Amino acid sequence: MPGVNPYVYMQQVAGRLTQLTERSEIETLLDEVEYLYEVIDPELQESADLLIAQLRSRLEAAS
């Protein structure tokens, strides 16, 4: 995801959490946030962990 600010992107995803209902959309966002997890500063990984957990929870609910 070249050219993407990971911090802004994670904020955008977090802001959309309550609107996510489609399994395919949640899976895509989860994949992207997991990818970003590998490139963000370690001090922000805790926030990413929380976002990933919330996305996984939404994914389970969409099943």
C-alpha atoms as a PDB file:
ATOM      1  CA  MET A   1       0.000   0.000   0.000  1.00  0.00           C
ATOM      2  CA  PRO A   2       2.547   2.570  -1.108  1.00  0.00           C
ATOM      3  CA  GLY A   3       1.690   6.190  -0.458  1.00  0.00           C
ATOM      4  CA  VAL A   4      -0.810   5.367   2.302  1.00  0.00           C
ATOM      5  CA  ASN A   5      -0.411   7.020   5.696  1.00  0.00           C
ATOM      6  CA  PRO A   6      -0.984   4.040   8.005  1.00  0.00           C
ATOM      7  CA  TYR A   7      -2.104   6.200  10.932  1.00  0.00           C
ATOM      8  CA  VAL A   8      -4.754   8.029   8.934  1.00  0.00           C
ATOM      9  CA  TYR A   9      -5.896   4.801   7.302  1.00  0.00           C
ATOM     10  CA  MET A  10      -6.352   3.060  10.655  1.00  0.00           C
ATOM     11  CA  GLN A  11      -8.382   6.035  11.903  1.00  0.00           C
ATOM     12  CA  GLN A  12     -10.585   5.819   8.812  1.00  0.00           C
ATOM     13  CA  VAL A  13     -11.146   2.087   9.325  1.00  0.00           C
ATOM     14  CA  ALA A  14     -11.922   2.610  13.020  1.00  0.00           C
ATOM     15  CA  GLY A  15     -14.452   5.284  12.104  1.00  0.00           C
ATOM     16  CA  ARG A  16     -16.276   2.838   9.818  1.00  0.00           C
ATOM     17  CA  LEU A  17     -16.403  -0.133  12.194  1.00  0.00           C
ATOM     18  CA  THR A  18     -20.060   0.241  13.103  1.00  0.00           C
ATOM     19  CA  GLN A  19     -21.035   0.414   9.430  1.00  0.00           C
ATOM     20  CA  LEU A  20     -19.265  -2.796   8.399  1.00  0.00           C
ATOM     21  CA  THR A  21     -21.621  -5.663   7.666  1.00  0.00           C
ATOM     22  CA  GLU A  22     -20.310  -7.262   4.476  1.00  0.00           C
ATOM     23  CA  ARG A  23     -17.941 -10.157   5.076  1.00  0.00           C
ATOM     24  CA  SER A  24     -15.844  -9.424   1.989  1.00  0.00           C
ATOM     25  CA  GLU A  25     -15.335  -5.787   2.977  1.00  0.00           C
ATOM     26  CA  ILE A  26     -14.356  -6.724   6.535  1.00  0.00           C
ATOM     27  CA  GLU A  27     -11.895  -9.345   5.237  1.00  0.00           C
ATOM     28  CA  THR A  28     -10.291  -6.791   2.917  1.00  0.00           C
ATOM     29  CA  LEU A  29      -9.911  -4.215   5.679  1.00  0.00           C
ATOM     30  CA  LEU A  30      -8.557  -6.833   8.073  1.00  0.00           C
ATOM     31  CA  ASP A  31      -5.950  -7.913   5.514  1.00  0.00           C
ATOM     32  CA  GLU A  32      -4.916  -4.310   4.934  1.00  0.00           C
ATOM     33  CA  VAL A  33      -4.639  -3.446   8.636  1.00  0.00           C
ATOM     34  CA  GLU A  34      -2.655  -6.644   9.286  1.00  0.00           C
ATOM     35  CA  TYR A  35      -0.287  -5.614   6.492  1.00  0.00           C
ATOM     36  CA  LEU A  36       0.081  -2.132   7.963  1.00  0.00           C
ATOM     37  CA  TYR A  37       0.817  -3.674  11.352  1.00  0.00           C
ATOM     38  CA  GLU A  38       4.112  -4.903   9.948  1.00  0.00           C
ATOM     39  CA  VAL A  39       5.252  -1.433   8.849  1.00  0.00           C
ATOM     40  CA  ILE A  40       3.990   0.894  11.592  1.00  0.00           C
ATOM     41  CA  ASP A  41       6.050   2.091  14.531  1.00  0.00           C
ATOM     42  CA  PRO A  42       6.028  -0.345  17.458  1.00  0.00           C
ATOM     43  CA  GLU A  43       4.359   2.189  19.767  1.00  0.00           C
ATOM     44  CA  LEU A  44       1.286   2.177  17.524  1.00  0.00           C
ATOM     45  CA  GLN A  45       1.015  -1.591  17.260  1.00  0.00           C
ATOM     46  CA  GLU A  46      -1.131  -1.758  20.387  1.00  0.00           C
ATOM     47  CA  SER A  47      -3.750   0.433  18.701  1.00  0.00           C
ATOM     48  CA  ALA A  48      -3.520  -1.743  15.608  1.00  0.00           C
ATOM     49  CA  ASP A  49      -3.999  -4.849  17.778  1.00  0.00           C
ATOM     50  CA  LEU A  50      -7.234  -3.394  19.130  1.00  0.00           C
ATOM     51  CA  LEU A  51      -8.459  -2.518  15.650  1.00  0.00           C
ATOM     52  CA  ILE A  52      -7.593  -5.992  14.349  1.00  0.00           C
ATOM     53  CA  ALA A  53      -9.489  -7.572  17.260  1.00  0.00           C
ATOM     54  CA  GLN A  54     -12.528  -5.412  16.520  1.00  0.00           C
ATOM     55  CA  LEU A  55     -12.413  -6.317  12.833  1.00  0.00           C
ATOM     56  CA  ARG A  56     -12.176 -10.015  13.682  1.00  0.00           C
ATOM     57  CA  SER A  57     -15.161  -9.651  15.982  1.00  0.00           C
ATOM     58  CA  ARG A  58     -17.155  -7.963  13.186  1.00  0.00           C
ATOM     59  CA  LEU A  59     -16.075 -10.738  10.822  1.00  0.00           C
ATOM     60  CA  GLU A  60     -17.372 -13.403  13.208  1.00  0.00           C
ATOM     61  CA  ALA A  61     -20.671 -11.558  13.523  1.00  0.00           C
ATOM     62  CA  ALA A  62     -20.948 -11.361   9.725  1.00  0.00           C
ATOM     63  CA  SER A  63     -20.538 -15.147   9.364  1.00  0.00           C
END
